[in-house]
Amino acid sequence: MNYLILKYAYPFTAVILAIFAWVVYQRISRGWGEIVPLAIAAGVVWLLGAPLFIYLWPRITVNGYKRVIVKRGLGDGPVPVNTLYAVPSTSSPSASRGSLLATGTDDVLYIGGWLDLNKGPQLLHVPDTAGRYYSLQLTNPADGANFAYVGKRTTGTVAGDYLLSGPGWNGTVPEGATQIPSPSHAVLVIGRVFVGSESDLPIAYGLAKQMQLVPLGVDA
């Protein structure tokens, strides 16, 4: 949806403005008295519609990811909840045309998943990437904000375990793990792993597949 909005923003806006101009012209042709209620209606729609759009749009967008990930998947069928899926090819248009995560770049592999922490925390494991860039962003579907990152720029590239816990959880964090509290029980995970070249792809993909989740208390 965001892609379509960005792609057709100008023609879509032009059509809306043309329709609005036609309505104004029709009102003026009937007399200036018709403009006042139109202006009042436009003001009310703007005052109510703009905050409503700002509030709802992040939720609509992020939950759109949930529907695609859980129901359609990212290439090999639906991705189960509390599971991370690594896309095996880069996101160049030729490699993943129409993919939810396609952005036109060809130097990263993407990872996607949807978490439900209602039944307890999930333990995220990341491998040692030996200095390779990677990033896992954790997004709160309630407001579309990224509340935490795991990756080279924030936690480094050594192997690590991160306990993703929902609101109100006060259990014991496993030894050696770092707790990341989530503001809601639902979490969207989008990850990226750098790919240096075509020959580097198998290595990058192998690392991406090692970024996995297990429920707390279950051996990986």
N, C-alpha and C. Protein backbone atom coordinates (compact mmCIF):
# COMPACT_ATOMS: atom_id res chain seq x y z
N MET A 1 0.82 -1.19 0.00
CA MET A 1 0.00 0.00 0.00
C MET A 1 0.86 1.25 0.00
N ASN A 2 1.90 1.29 0.86
CA ASN A 2 2.79 2.45 0.87
C ASN A 2 3.44 2.65 -0.48
N TYR A 3 3.81 1.53 -1.13
CA TYR A 3 4.44 1.61 -2.44
C TYR A 3 3.50 2.25 -3.45
N LEU A 4 2.22 1.86 -3.43
CA LEU A 4 1.25 2.42 -4.37
C LEU A 4 1.03 3.90 -4.11
N ILE A 5 0.98 4.27 -2.81
CA ILE A 5 0.78 5.67 -2.48
C ILE A 5 1.93 6.52 -2.99
N LEU A 6 3.15 6.04 -2.77
CA LEU A 6 4.31 6.79 -3.22
C LEU A 6 4.39 6.85 -4.75
N LYS A 7 4.05 5.76 -5.40
CA LYS A 7 4.15 5.69 -6.85
C LYS A 7 3.13 6.59 -7.54
N TYR A 8 1.91 6.59 -7.00
CA TYR A 8 0.82 7.33 -7.67
C TYR A 8 0.38 8.56 -6.88
N ALA A 9 1.25 9.08 -6.02
CA ALA A 9 0.89 10.22 -5.18
C ALA A 9 0.50 11.45 -6.02
N TYR A 10 1.31 11.78 -7.02
CA TYR A 10 1.06 12.99 -7.80
C TYR A 10 -0.22 12.89 -8.63
N PRO A 11 -0.41 11.84 -9.41
CA PRO A 11 -1.67 11.77 -10.17
C PRO A 11 -2.89 11.66 -9.26
N PHE A 12 -2.77 10.95 -8.15
CA PHE A 12 -3.89 10.81 -7.23
C PHE A 12 -4.25 12.17 -6.63
N THR A 13 -3.23 12.93 -6.23
CA THR A 13 -3.46 14.26 -5.69
C THR A 13 -4.07 15.18 -6.73
N ALA A 14 -3.59 15.09 -7.98
CA ALA A 14 -4.11 15.92 -9.06
C ALA A 14 -5.60 15.64 -9.30
N VAL A 15 -5.98 14.37 -9.24
CA VAL A 15 -7.39 14.01 -9.44
C VAL A 15 -8.25 14.60 -8.32
N ILE A 16 -7.78 14.48 -7.08
CA ILE A 16 -8.53 15.02 -5.94
C ILE A 16 -8.69 16.53 -6.08
N LEU A 17 -7.61 17.23 -6.43
CA LEU A 17 -7.67 18.68 -6.58
C LEU A 17 -8.60 19.08 -7.72
N ALA A 18 -8.59 18.30 -8.81
CA ALA A 18 -9.46 18.60 -9.94
C ALA A 18 -10.93 18.45 -9.54
N ILE A 19 -11.23 17.40 -8.80
CA ILE A 19 -12.61 17.20 -8.33
C ILE A 19 -13.03 18.33 -7.38
N PHE A 20 -12.12 18.69 -6.48
CA PHE A 20 -12.42 19.77 -5.54
C PHE A 20 -12.65 21.09 -6.29
N ALA A 21 -11.79 21.37 -7.29
CA ALA A 21 -11.94 22.60 -8.07
C ALA A 21 -13.28 22.61 -8.81
N TRP A 22 -13.69 21.47 -9.33
CA TRP A 22 -14.98 21.39 -10.03
C TRP A 22 -16.14 21.65 -9.08
N VAL A 23 -16.05 21.10 -7.85
CA VAL A 23 -17.10 21.32 -6.86
C VAL A 23 -17.18 22.80 -6.48
N VAL A 24 -16.01 23.43 -6.26
CA VAL A 24 -15.98 24.85 -5.93
C VAL A 24 -16.59 25.68 -7.05
N TYR A 25 -16.22 25.35 -8.28
CA TYR A 25 -16.76 26.09 -9.44
C TYR A 25 -18.29 25.97 -9.49
N GLN A 26 -18.80 24.76 -9.27
CA GLN A 26 -20.24 24.58 -9.28
C GLN A 26 -20.92 25.37 -8.18
N ARG A 27 -20.29 25.44 -7.02
CA ARG A 27 -20.86 26.19 -5.91
C ARG A 27 -20.87 27.69 -6.24
N ILE A 28 -19.77 28.18 -6.80
CA ILE A 28 -19.69 29.61 -7.14
C ILE A 28 -20.73 29.97 -8.18
N SER A 29 -20.93 29.07 -9.15
CA SER A 29 -21.90 29.35 -10.20
C SER A 29 -23.32 29.46 -9.65
N ARG A 30 -23.55 28.90 -8.48
CA ARG A 30 -24.87 28.98 -7.87
C ARG A 30 -24.99 30.17 -6.92
N GLY A 31 -23.88 30.85 -6.71
CA GLY A 31 -23.87 32.01 -5.81
C GLY A 31 -22.87 31.82 -4.69
N TRP A 32 -22.33 32.95 -4.21
CA TRP A 32 -21.30 32.88 -3.19
C TRP A 32 -21.81 32.32 -1.86
N GLY A 33 -23.12 32.35 -1.67
CA GLY A 33 -23.67 31.80 -0.44
C GLY A 33 -23.42 30.32 -0.28
N GLU A 34 -23.18 29.63 -1.42
CA GLU A 34 -22.91 28.19 -1.38
C GLU A 34 -21.51 27.87 -0.85
N ILE A 35 -20.62 28.87 -0.87
CA ILE A 35 -19.23 28.63 -0.48
C ILE A 35 -19.09 28.45 1.03
N VAL A 36 -19.89 29.20 1.79
CA VAL A 36 -19.75 29.17 3.25
C VAL A 36 -19.97 27.77 3.83
N PRO A 37 -21.08 27.10 3.53
CA PRO A 37 -21.23 25.73 4.08
C PRO A 37 -20.17 24.77 3.56
N LEU A 38 -19.72 24.99 2.31
CA LEU A 38 -18.66 24.13 1.77
C LEU A 38 -17.37 24.32 2.56
N ALA A 39 -17.04 25.58 2.88
CA ALA A 39 -15.82 25.87 3.64
C ALA A 39 -15.91 25.27 5.04
N ILE A 40 -17.10 25.39 5.66
CA ILE A 40 -17.28 24.82 6.99
C ILE A 40 -17.13 23.30 6.96
N ALA A 41 -17.74 22.67 5.95
CA ALA A 41 -17.65 21.21 5.82
C ALA A 41 -16.20 20.78 5.60
N ALA A 42 -15.48 21.54 4.75
CA ALA A 42 -14.07 21.20 4.49
C ALA A 42 -13.25 21.32 5.76
N GLY A 43 -13.53 22.38 6.56
CA GLY A 43 -12.79 22.56 7.80
C GLY A 43 -13.05 21.44 8.79
N VAL A 44 -14.31 21.02 8.91
CA VAL A 44 -14.66 19.94 9.83
C VAL A 44 -13.99 18.63 9.40
N VAL A 45 -14.05 18.34 8.09
CA VAL A 45 -13.42 17.12 7.58
C VAL A 45 -11.93 17.14 7.85
N TRP A 46 -11.30 18.30 7.64
CA TRP A 46 -9.85 18.40 7.87
C TRP A 46 -9.52 18.22 9.34
N LEU A 47 -10.25 18.90 10.23
CA LEU A 47 -9.96 18.83 11.66
C LEU A 47 -10.17 17.44 12.21
N LEU A 48 -11.17 16.73 11.70
CA LEU A 48 -11.42 15.37 12.18
C LEU A 48 -10.61 14.33 11.43
N GLY A 49 -10.47 14.53 10.13
CA GLY A 49 -9.82 13.52 9.30
C GLY A 49 -8.33 13.44 9.47
N ALA A 50 -7.65 14.60 9.59
CA ALA A 50 -6.19 14.59 9.69
C ALA A 50 -5.70 13.85 10.93
N PRO A 51 -6.21 14.18 12.14
CA PRO A 51 -5.76 13.42 13.33
C PRO A 51 -6.11 11.94 13.24
N LEU A 52 -7.30 11.65 12.69
CA LEU A 52 -7.71 10.25 12.57
C LEU A 52 -6.77 9.49 11.65
N PHE A 53 -6.39 10.12 10.52
CA PHE A 53 -5.47 9.49 9.59
C PHE A 53 -4.11 9.27 10.24
N ILE A 54 -3.60 10.30 10.95
CA ILE A 54 -2.30 10.20 11.60
C ILE A 54 -2.31 9.09 12.65
N TYR A 55 -3.44 8.93 13.35
CA TYR A 55 -3.54 7.91 14.39
C TYR A 55 -3.65 6.50 13.81
N LEU A 56 -4.46 6.36 12.77
CA LEU A 56 -4.76 5.03 12.25
C LEU A 56 -3.75 4.51 11.24
N TRP A 57 -3.13 5.40 10.45
CA TRP A 57 -2.30 4.92 9.35
C TRP A 57 -1.15 4.01 9.78
N PRO A 58 -0.38 4.35 10.85
CA PRO A 58 0.69 3.42 11.26
C PRO A 58 0.15 2.04 11.62
N ARG A 59 -1.01 1.99 12.27
CA ARG A 59 -1.59 0.71 12.66
C ARG A 59 -2.04 -0.08 11.45
N ILE A 60 -2.64 0.60 10.48
CA ILE A 60 -3.08 -0.08 9.26
C ILE A 60 -1.88 -0.63 8.50
N THR A 61 -0.82 0.17 8.40
CA THR A 61 0.38 -0.24 7.66
C THR A 61 1.05 -1.44 8.31
N VAL A 62 1.33 -1.35 9.62
CA VAL A 62 2.05 -2.42 10.32
C VAL A 62 1.22 -3.69 10.35
N ASN A 63 -0.09 -3.58 10.58
CA ASN A 63 -0.92 -4.78 10.59
C ASN A 63 -1.07 -5.38 9.20
N GLY A 64 -0.84 -4.57 8.17
CA GLY A 64 -0.79 -5.11 6.82
C GLY A 64 0.38 -6.08 6.67
N TYR A 65 1.50 -5.77 7.32
CA TYR A 65 2.64 -6.68 7.32
C TYR A 65 2.24 -8.01 7.99
N LYS A 66 1.48 -7.91 9.07
CA LYS A 66 1.08 -9.14 9.77
C LYS A 66 0.28 -10.04 8.84
N ARG A 67 -0.69 -9.47 8.14
CA ARG A 67 -1.53 -10.28 7.26
C ARG A 67 -0.71 -10.95 6.17
N VAL A 68 0.23 -10.20 5.61
CA VAL A 68 1.05 -10.77 4.53
C VAL A 68 1.98 -11.84 5.07
N ILE A 69 2.66 -11.56 6.18
CA ILE A 69 3.64 -12.50 6.73
C ILE A 69 2.96 -13.79 7.18
N VAL A 70 1.90 -13.67 7.97
CA VAL A 70 1.27 -14.83 8.59
C VAL A 70 0.40 -15.61 7.60
N LYS A 71 -0.24 -14.92 6.66
CA LYS A 71 -1.17 -15.60 5.76
C LYS A 71 -0.54 -15.96 4.41
N ARG A 72 0.28 -15.07 3.86
CA ARG A 72 0.84 -15.33 2.54
C ARG A 72 2.31 -15.75 2.60
N GLY A 73 3.04 -15.15 3.52
CA GLY A 73 4.45 -15.48 3.65
C GLY A 73 5.34 -14.60 2.79
N LEU A 74 6.62 -14.89 2.85
CA LEU A 74 7.62 -14.07 2.15
C LEU A 74 8.33 -14.85 1.06
N GLY A 75 7.71 -15.93 0.60
CA GLY A 75 8.32 -16.68 -0.50
C GLY A 75 8.06 -18.16 -0.47
N ASP A 76 7.97 -18.74 0.73
CA ASP A 76 7.76 -20.18 0.86
C ASP A 76 6.51 -20.52 1.66
N GLY A 77 5.50 -19.72 1.54
CA GLY A 77 4.27 -19.97 2.26
C GLY A 77 4.19 -19.18 3.55
N PRO A 78 3.07 -19.29 4.25
CA PRO A 78 2.86 -18.54 5.49
C PRO A 78 3.98 -18.75 6.50
N VAL A 79 4.32 -17.67 7.21
CA VAL A 79 5.34 -17.74 8.25
C VAL A 79 4.62 -17.84 9.59
N PRO A 80 4.80 -18.94 10.33
CA PRO A 80 4.11 -19.08 11.61
C PRO A 80 4.45 -17.95 12.57
N VAL A 81 3.50 -17.60 13.44
CA VAL A 81 3.74 -16.60 14.47
C VAL A 81 4.91 -17.06 15.35
N ASN A 82 5.70 -16.10 15.82
CA ASN A 82 6.88 -16.36 16.64
C ASN A 82 7.95 -17.15 15.88
N THR A 83 8.02 -16.88 14.59
CA THR A 83 9.03 -17.50 13.73
C THR A 83 9.63 -16.43 12.83
N LEU A 84 10.93 -16.50 12.62
CA LEU A 84 11.59 -15.58 11.70
C LEU A 84 11.89 -16.31 10.40
N TYR A 85 11.62 -15.65 9.28
CA TYR A 85 11.88 -16.23 7.97
C TYR A 85 12.91 -15.38 7.25
N ALA A 86 13.97 -16.02 6.76
CA ALA A 86 15.01 -15.32 6.01
C ALA A 86 14.76 -15.49 4.52
N VAL A 87 14.60 -14.39 3.82
CA VAL A 87 14.41 -14.44 2.37
C VAL A 87 15.73 -14.87 1.73
N PRO A 88 15.74 -15.91 0.90
CA PRO A 88 17.00 -16.47 0.40
C PRO A 88 17.70 -15.65 -0.66
N SER A 89 17.04 -14.64 -1.23
CA SER A 89 17.66 -13.83 -2.27
C SER A 89 17.58 -12.37 -1.89
N THR A 90 18.41 -11.56 -2.55
CA THR A 90 18.38 -10.13 -2.27
C THR A 90 17.09 -9.52 -2.80
N SER A 91 16.83 -8.27 -2.42
CA SER A 91 15.55 -7.65 -2.75
C SER A 91 15.59 -6.84 -4.03
N SER A 92 16.52 -7.18 -4.95
CA SER A 92 16.51 -6.49 -6.24
C SER A 92 15.22 -6.82 -6.97
N PRO A 93 14.73 -5.92 -7.83
CA PRO A 93 13.46 -6.17 -8.50
C PRO A 93 13.41 -7.50 -9.24
N SER A 94 14.53 -7.90 -9.83
CA SER A 94 14.53 -9.15 -10.59
C SER A 94 14.49 -10.36 -9.69
N ALA A 95 14.99 -10.19 -8.45
CA ALA A 95 15.06 -11.34 -7.54
C ALA A 95 13.80 -11.53 -6.74
N SER A 96 13.09 -10.45 -6.45
CA SER A 96 11.91 -10.59 -5.60
C SER A 96 10.83 -9.61 -6.03
N ARG A 97 10.51 -9.63 -7.29
CA ARG A 97 9.51 -8.71 -7.81
C ARG A 97 8.18 -8.90 -7.08
N GLY A 98 7.65 -7.80 -6.58
CA GLY A 98 6.38 -7.86 -5.87
C GLY A 98 6.51 -8.26 -4.42
N SER A 99 7.71 -8.51 -3.95
CA SER A 99 7.88 -8.91 -2.56
C SER A 99 7.50 -7.77 -1.62
N LEU A 100 6.95 -8.14 -0.47
CA LEU A 100 6.61 -7.14 0.54
C LEU A 100 7.83 -6.34 0.95
N LEU A 101 9.00 -6.97 0.97
CA LEU A 101 10.21 -6.32 1.47
C LEU A 101 11.09 -5.78 0.36
N ALA A 102 10.67 -5.89 -0.90
CA ALA A 102 11.50 -5.41 -2.00
C ALA A 102 11.62 -3.90 -1.96
N THR A 103 12.85 -3.40 -2.04
CA THR A 103 13.08 -1.95 -2.03
C THR A 103 13.95 -1.51 -3.20
N GLY A 104 14.40 -2.43 -4.01
CA GLY A 104 15.25 -2.07 -5.14
C GLY A 104 16.73 -2.22 -4.85
N THR A 105 17.11 -2.42 -3.58
CA THR A 105 18.52 -2.61 -3.26
C THR A 105 18.90 -4.07 -3.45
N ASP A 106 20.16 -4.33 -3.77
CA ASP A 106 20.59 -5.71 -4.00
C ASP A 106 21.74 -6.11 -3.09
N ASP A 107 21.90 -5.40 -1.96
CA ASP A 107 23.02 -5.73 -1.08
C ASP A 107 22.58 -6.14 0.32
N VAL A 108 21.31 -6.52 0.47
CA VAL A 108 20.85 -7.03 1.76
C VAL A 108 19.89 -8.19 1.57
N LEU A 109 19.90 -9.08 2.54
CA LEU A 109 18.87 -10.11 2.65
C LEU A 109 17.91 -9.66 3.74
N TYR A 110 16.64 -9.94 3.55
CA TYR A 110 15.64 -9.52 4.52
C TYR A 110 15.16 -10.69 5.37
N ILE A 111 14.76 -10.35 6.58
CA ILE A 111 14.19 -11.29 7.53
C ILE A 111 12.88 -10.69 8.02
N GLY A 112 11.85 -11.52 8.16
CA GLY A 112 10.57 -11.01 8.63
C GLY A 112 9.90 -11.97 9.58
N GLY A 113 9.11 -11.43 10.50
CA GLY A 113 8.37 -12.27 11.42
C GLY A 113 7.39 -11.45 12.24
N TRP A 114 6.38 -12.15 12.78
CA TRP A 114 5.38 -11.51 13.65
C TRP A 114 5.36 -12.24 14.97
N LEU A 115 5.48 -11.51 16.07
CA LEU A 115 5.55 -12.11 17.40
C LEU A 115 4.25 -11.87 18.17
N ASP A 116 3.87 -12.88 18.95
CA ASP A 116 2.77 -12.78 19.89
C ASP A 116 3.31 -13.21 21.25
N LEU A 117 3.46 -12.25 22.16
CA LEU A 117 4.07 -12.51 23.46
C LEU A 117 3.05 -12.76 24.56
N ASN A 118 1.81 -12.98 24.19
CA ASN A 118 0.76 -13.21 25.19
C ASN A 118 1.03 -14.45 26.02
N LYS A 119 1.61 -15.48 25.41
CA LYS A 119 1.85 -16.74 26.11
C LYS A 119 3.22 -16.81 26.76
N GLY A 120 3.97 -15.72 26.67
CA GLY A 120 5.29 -15.69 27.29
C GLY A 120 6.35 -15.12 26.38
N PRO A 121 7.52 -14.82 26.95
CA PRO A 121 8.60 -14.22 26.18
C PRO A 121 9.18 -15.17 25.13
N GLN A 122 9.84 -14.57 24.16
CA GLN A 122 10.57 -15.32 23.14
C GLN A 122 12.05 -14.97 23.26
N LEU A 123 12.89 -15.98 23.12
CA LEU A 123 14.33 -15.79 23.20
C LEU A 123 14.89 -15.70 21.79
N LEU A 124 15.43 -14.54 21.45
CA LEU A 124 16.01 -14.29 20.13
C LEU A 124 17.50 -14.58 20.17
N HIS A 125 17.96 -15.45 19.28
CA HIS A 125 19.39 -15.74 19.16
C HIS A 125 19.94 -15.15 17.87
N VAL A 126 21.07 -14.48 17.97
CA VAL A 126 21.77 -13.98 16.77
C VAL A 126 23.19 -14.53 16.79
N PRO A 127 23.71 -14.91 15.62
CA PRO A 127 25.05 -15.48 15.54
C PRO A 127 26.12 -14.39 15.51
N ASP A 128 27.35 -14.81 15.62
CA ASP A 128 28.48 -13.89 15.44
C ASP A 128 28.62 -13.62 13.95
N THR A 129 28.45 -12.38 13.54
CA THR A 129 28.54 -12.05 12.11
C THR A 129 29.92 -11.53 11.73
N ALA A 130 30.85 -11.55 12.68
CA ALA A 130 32.25 -11.18 12.40
C ALA A 130 32.37 -9.80 11.74
N GLY A 131 31.65 -8.84 12.27
CA GLY A 131 31.74 -7.48 11.76
C GLY A 131 30.77 -7.16 10.63
N ARG A 132 30.07 -8.15 10.12
CA ARG A 132 29.12 -7.91 9.02
C ARG A 132 27.93 -7.11 9.54
N TYR A 133 27.48 -6.17 8.74
CA TYR A 133 26.31 -5.39 9.12
C TYR A 133 25.05 -6.25 9.10
N TYR A 134 24.27 -6.12 10.17
CA TYR A 134 22.92 -6.69 10.21
C TYR A 134 22.10 -5.86 11.17
N SER A 135 20.81 -5.92 11.03
CA SER A 135 19.93 -5.18 11.91
C SER A 135 18.59 -5.88 12.00
N LEU A 136 18.08 -5.99 13.21
CA LEU A 136 16.73 -6.50 13.45
C LEU A 136 15.96 -5.39 14.15
N GLN A 137 14.98 -4.83 13.48
CA GLN A 137 14.19 -3.77 14.10
C GLN A 137 12.91 -4.34 14.67
N LEU A 138 12.56 -3.90 15.87
CA LEU A 138 11.38 -4.38 16.57
C LEU A 138 10.37 -3.24 16.61
N THR A 139 9.19 -3.47 16.01
CA THR A 139 8.20 -2.43 15.84
C THR A 139 6.95 -2.72 16.64
N ASN A 140 6.42 -1.70 17.30
CA ASN A 140 5.17 -1.80 18.04
C ASN A 140 4.01 -1.52 17.09
N PRO A 141 3.15 -2.51 16.82
CA PRO A 141 2.04 -2.30 15.88
C PRO A 141 1.04 -1.24 16.35
N ALA A 142 1.01 -0.96 17.65
CA ALA A 142 0.03 -0.01 18.17
C ALA A 142 0.26 1.40 17.65
N ASP A 143 1.52 1.77 17.42
CA ASP A 143 1.80 3.12 16.93
C ASP A 143 2.80 3.17 15.78
N GLY A 144 3.28 1.99 15.35
CA GLY A 144 4.21 1.94 14.23
C GLY A 144 5.62 2.37 14.57
N ALA A 145 5.93 2.56 15.87
CA ALA A 145 7.25 3.02 16.28
C ALA A 145 8.19 1.85 16.52
N ASN A 146 9.45 2.02 16.12
CA ASN A 146 10.48 1.02 16.39
C ASN A 146 10.98 1.25 17.81
N PHE A 147 10.77 0.29 18.71
CA PHE A 147 11.13 0.49 20.11
C PHE A 147 12.48 -0.10 20.46
N ALA A 148 13.07 -0.89 19.58
CA ALA A 148 14.40 -1.45 19.86
C ALA A 148 15.03 -1.98 18.57
N TYR A 149 16.36 -2.07 18.60
CA TYR A 149 17.12 -2.65 17.50
C TYR A 149 18.15 -3.62 18.07
N VAL A 150 18.37 -4.70 17.36
CA VAL A 150 19.48 -5.60 17.64
C VAL A 150 20.31 -5.63 16.37
N GLY A 151 21.60 -5.34 16.45
CA GLY A 151 22.41 -5.32 15.25
C GLY A 151 23.74 -4.63 15.45
N LYS A 152 24.46 -4.47 14.40
CA LYS A 152 25.82 -3.96 14.46
C LYS A 152 25.90 -2.60 15.12
N ARG A 153 24.98 -1.70 14.79
CA ARG A 153 25.07 -0.33 15.28
C ARG A 153 24.60 -0.16 16.72
N THR A 154 23.90 -1.16 17.25
CA THR A 154 23.35 -1.02 18.60
C THR A 154 23.90 -2.03 19.59
N THR A 155 24.03 -3.27 19.18
CA THR A 155 24.47 -4.33 20.10
C THR A 155 25.77 -5.00 19.66
N GLY A 156 26.30 -4.60 18.50
CA GLY A 156 27.53 -5.21 18.00
C GLY A 156 27.25 -6.42 17.13
N THR A 157 28.31 -7.15 16.81
CA THR A 157 28.16 -8.28 15.88
C THR A 157 28.54 -9.63 16.50
N VAL A 158 28.78 -9.65 17.82
CA VAL A 158 29.07 -10.94 18.46
C VAL A 158 27.77 -11.70 18.67
N ALA A 159 27.87 -13.01 18.88
CA ALA A 159 26.69 -13.82 19.13
C ALA A 159 26.01 -13.37 20.42
N GLY A 160 24.70 -13.45 20.45
CA GLY A 160 23.99 -13.02 21.65
C GLY A 160 22.58 -13.55 21.71
N ASP A 161 22.00 -13.47 22.90
CA ASP A 161 20.62 -13.89 23.13
C ASP A 161 19.86 -12.72 23.76
N TYR A 162 18.65 -12.49 23.26
CA TYR A 162 17.85 -11.36 23.72
C TYR A 162 16.44 -11.85 24.05
N LEU A 163 16.01 -11.56 25.28
CA LEU A 163 14.70 -12.01 25.72
C LEU A 163 13.68 -10.92 25.42
N LEU A 164 12.76 -11.23 24.50
CA LEU A 164 11.71 -10.29 24.13
C LEU A 164 10.49 -10.59 24.99
N SER A 165 10.16 -9.68 25.88
CA SER A 165 9.09 -9.91 26.85
C SER A 165 7.97 -8.89 26.66
N GLY A 166 6.75 -9.32 26.94
CA GLY A 166 5.59 -8.45 26.80
C GLY A 166 5.36 -7.60 28.04
N PRO A 167 4.37 -6.72 28.00
CA PRO A 167 4.07 -5.84 29.13
C PRO A 167 3.71 -6.64 30.39
N GLY A 168 4.26 -6.23 31.53
CA GLY A 168 3.92 -6.85 32.80
C GLY A 168 4.69 -8.11 33.13
N TRP A 169 5.53 -8.60 32.21
CA TRP A 169 6.27 -9.82 32.51
C TRP A 169 7.39 -9.50 33.51
N ASN A 170 7.50 -10.30 34.56
CA ASN A 170 8.52 -10.06 35.59
C ASN A 170 9.22 -11.35 35.99
N GLY A 171 9.39 -12.25 35.04
CA GLY A 171 10.08 -13.50 35.31
C GLY A 171 11.58 -13.33 35.37
N THR A 172 12.28 -14.46 35.35
CA THR A 172 13.74 -14.46 35.43
C THR A 172 14.35 -14.49 34.04
N VAL A 173 15.26 -13.56 33.78
CA VAL A 173 15.95 -13.52 32.50
C VAL A 173 17.07 -14.55 32.51
N PRO A 174 17.14 -15.41 31.49
CA PRO A 174 18.20 -16.43 31.45
C PRO A 174 19.59 -15.80 31.54
N GLU A 175 20.50 -16.53 32.17
CA GLU A 175 21.86 -16.04 32.31
C GLU A 175 22.49 -15.80 30.93
N GLY A 176 23.09 -14.66 30.77
CA GLY A 176 23.75 -14.32 29.51
C GLY A 176 22.85 -13.64 28.50
N ALA A 177 21.55 -13.59 28.78
CA ALA A 177 20.62 -12.96 27.85
C ALA A 177 20.33 -11.52 28.28
N THR A 178 19.98 -10.70 27.32
CA THR A 178 19.60 -9.31 27.57
C THR A 178 18.11 -9.14 27.33
N GLN A 179 17.41 -8.60 28.31
CA GLN A 179 15.97 -8.43 28.17
C GLN A 179 15.64 -7.19 27.34
N ILE A 180 14.69 -7.35 26.42
CA ILE A 180 14.15 -6.23 25.66
C ILE A 180 12.64 -6.22 25.90
N PRO A 181 12.15 -5.34 26.77
CA PRO A 181 10.71 -5.29 27.03
C PRO A 181 9.96 -4.65 25.87
N SER A 182 8.87 -5.24 25.48
CA SER A 182 8.05 -4.70 24.40
C SER A 182 6.87 -3.94 25.00
N PRO A 183 6.50 -2.80 24.42
CA PRO A 183 5.35 -2.04 24.93
C PRO A 183 4.01 -2.71 24.66
N SER A 184 3.99 -3.71 23.78
CA SER A 184 2.75 -4.45 23.51
C SER A 184 3.08 -5.92 23.32
N HIS A 185 2.06 -6.77 23.31
CA HIS A 185 2.30 -8.21 23.15
C HIS A 185 2.56 -8.59 21.70
N ALA A 186 2.21 -7.72 20.77
CA ALA A 186 2.47 -7.99 19.35
C ALA A 186 3.70 -7.20 18.92
N VAL A 187 4.54 -7.85 18.11
CA VAL A 187 5.78 -7.21 17.64
C VAL A 187 6.01 -7.60 16.19
N LEU A 188 6.30 -6.60 15.36
CA LEU A 188 6.73 -6.85 13.99
C LEU A 188 8.25 -6.81 13.95
N VAL A 189 8.86 -7.85 13.38
CA VAL A 189 10.32 -7.91 13.25
C VAL A 189 10.71 -7.84 11.78
N ILE A 190 11.54 -6.87 11.44
CA ILE A 190 12.09 -6.76 10.10
C ILE A 190 13.61 -6.70 10.22
N GLY A 191 14.30 -7.63 9.57
CA GLY A 191 15.74 -7.70 9.66
C GLY A 191 16.42 -7.55 8.32
N ARG A 192 17.69 -7.18 8.38
CA ARG A 192 18.51 -7.00 7.18
C ARG A 192 19.90 -7.54 7.44
N VAL A 193 20.46 -8.25 6.48
CA VAL A 193 21.82 -8.77 6.57
C VAL A 193 22.57 -8.37 5.30
N PHE A 194 23.71 -7.75 5.47
CA PHE A 194 24.48 -7.26 4.32
C PHE A 194 25.02 -8.40 3.47
N VAL A 195 24.96 -8.21 2.16
CA VAL A 195 25.51 -9.15 1.19
C VAL A 195 26.53 -8.40 0.34
N GLY A 196 27.80 -8.85 0.39
CA GLY A 196 28.85 -8.13 -0.31
C GLY A 196 28.91 -8.40 -1.80
N SER A 197 28.54 -9.60 -2.21
CA SER A 197 28.62 -9.98 -3.62
C SER A 197 27.78 -11.24 -3.84
N GLU A 198 27.70 -11.66 -5.09
CA GLU A 198 26.94 -12.89 -5.37
C GLU A 198 27.56 -14.09 -4.69
N SER A 199 28.89 -14.14 -4.65
CA SER A 199 29.55 -15.27 -4.00
C SER A 199 29.40 -15.22 -2.48
N ASP A 200 29.09 -14.05 -1.96
CA ASP A 200 28.91 -13.89 -0.52
C ASP A 200 27.50 -14.26 -0.07
N LEU A 201 26.59 -14.41 -1.02
CA LEU A 201 25.18 -14.66 -0.71
C LEU A 201 24.97 -15.89 0.18
N PRO A 202 25.58 -17.05 -0.13
CA PRO A 202 25.35 -18.23 0.73
C PRO A 202 25.78 -18.01 2.18
N ILE A 203 26.87 -17.27 2.38
CA ILE A 203 27.35 -17.00 3.74
C ILE A 203 26.36 -16.10 4.48
N ALA A 204 25.92 -15.05 3.79
CA ALA A 204 24.97 -14.12 4.40
C ALA A 204 23.65 -14.83 4.73
N TYR A 205 23.20 -15.68 3.82
CA TYR A 205 21.95 -16.40 4.04
C TYR A 205 22.08 -17.37 5.21
N GLY A 206 23.23 -18.01 5.32
CA GLY A 206 23.47 -18.92 6.44
C GLY A 206 23.40 -18.19 7.77
N LEU A 207 23.93 -16.97 7.82
CA LEU A 207 23.87 -16.18 9.05
C LEU A 207 22.43 -15.74 9.33
N ALA A 208 21.72 -15.33 8.28
CA ALA A 208 20.34 -14.88 8.45
C ALA A 208 19.46 -15.99 9.02
N LYS A 209 19.67 -17.22 8.55
CA LYS A 209 18.86 -18.34 9.03
C LYS A 209 19.14 -18.68 10.49
N GLN A 210 20.30 -18.27 11.00
CA GLN A 210 20.63 -18.54 12.40
C GLN A 210 19.98 -17.54 13.35
N MET A 211 19.38 -16.50 12.82
CA MET A 211 18.66 -15.53 13.66
C MET A 211 17.26 -16.08 13.88
N GLN A 212 17.06 -16.70 15.02
CA GLN A 212 15.83 -17.46 15.27
C GLN A 212 15.29 -17.19 16.66
N LEU A 213 14.03 -17.61 16.85
CA LEU A 213 13.32 -17.44 18.11
C LEU A 213 12.94 -18.79 18.70
N VAL A 214 12.98 -18.87 20.03
CA VAL A 214 12.43 -20.03 20.75
C VAL A 214 11.70 -19.51 21.97
N PRO A 215 10.63 -20.17 22.39
CA PRO A 215 9.94 -19.74 23.62
C PRO A 215 10.87 -19.87 24.82
N LEU A 216 10.70 -19.00 25.79
CA LEU A 216 11.49 -19.08 27.00
C LEU A 216 11.29 -20.44 27.67
N GLY A 217 12.40 -21.08 28.01
CA GLY A 217 12.33 -22.38 28.67
C GLY A 217 12.46 -23.54 27.73
N VAL A 218 12.52 -23.28 26.41
CA VAL A 218 12.70 -24.34 25.41
C VAL A 218 14.11 -24.26 24.88
N ASP A 219 14.82 -25.36 24.88
CA ASP A 219 16.19 -25.38 24.36
C ASP A 219 16.18 -25.17 22.87
N ALA A 220 17.10 -24.32 22.38
CA ALA A 220 17.19 -24.04 20.95
C ALA A 220 17.74 -25.23 20.20
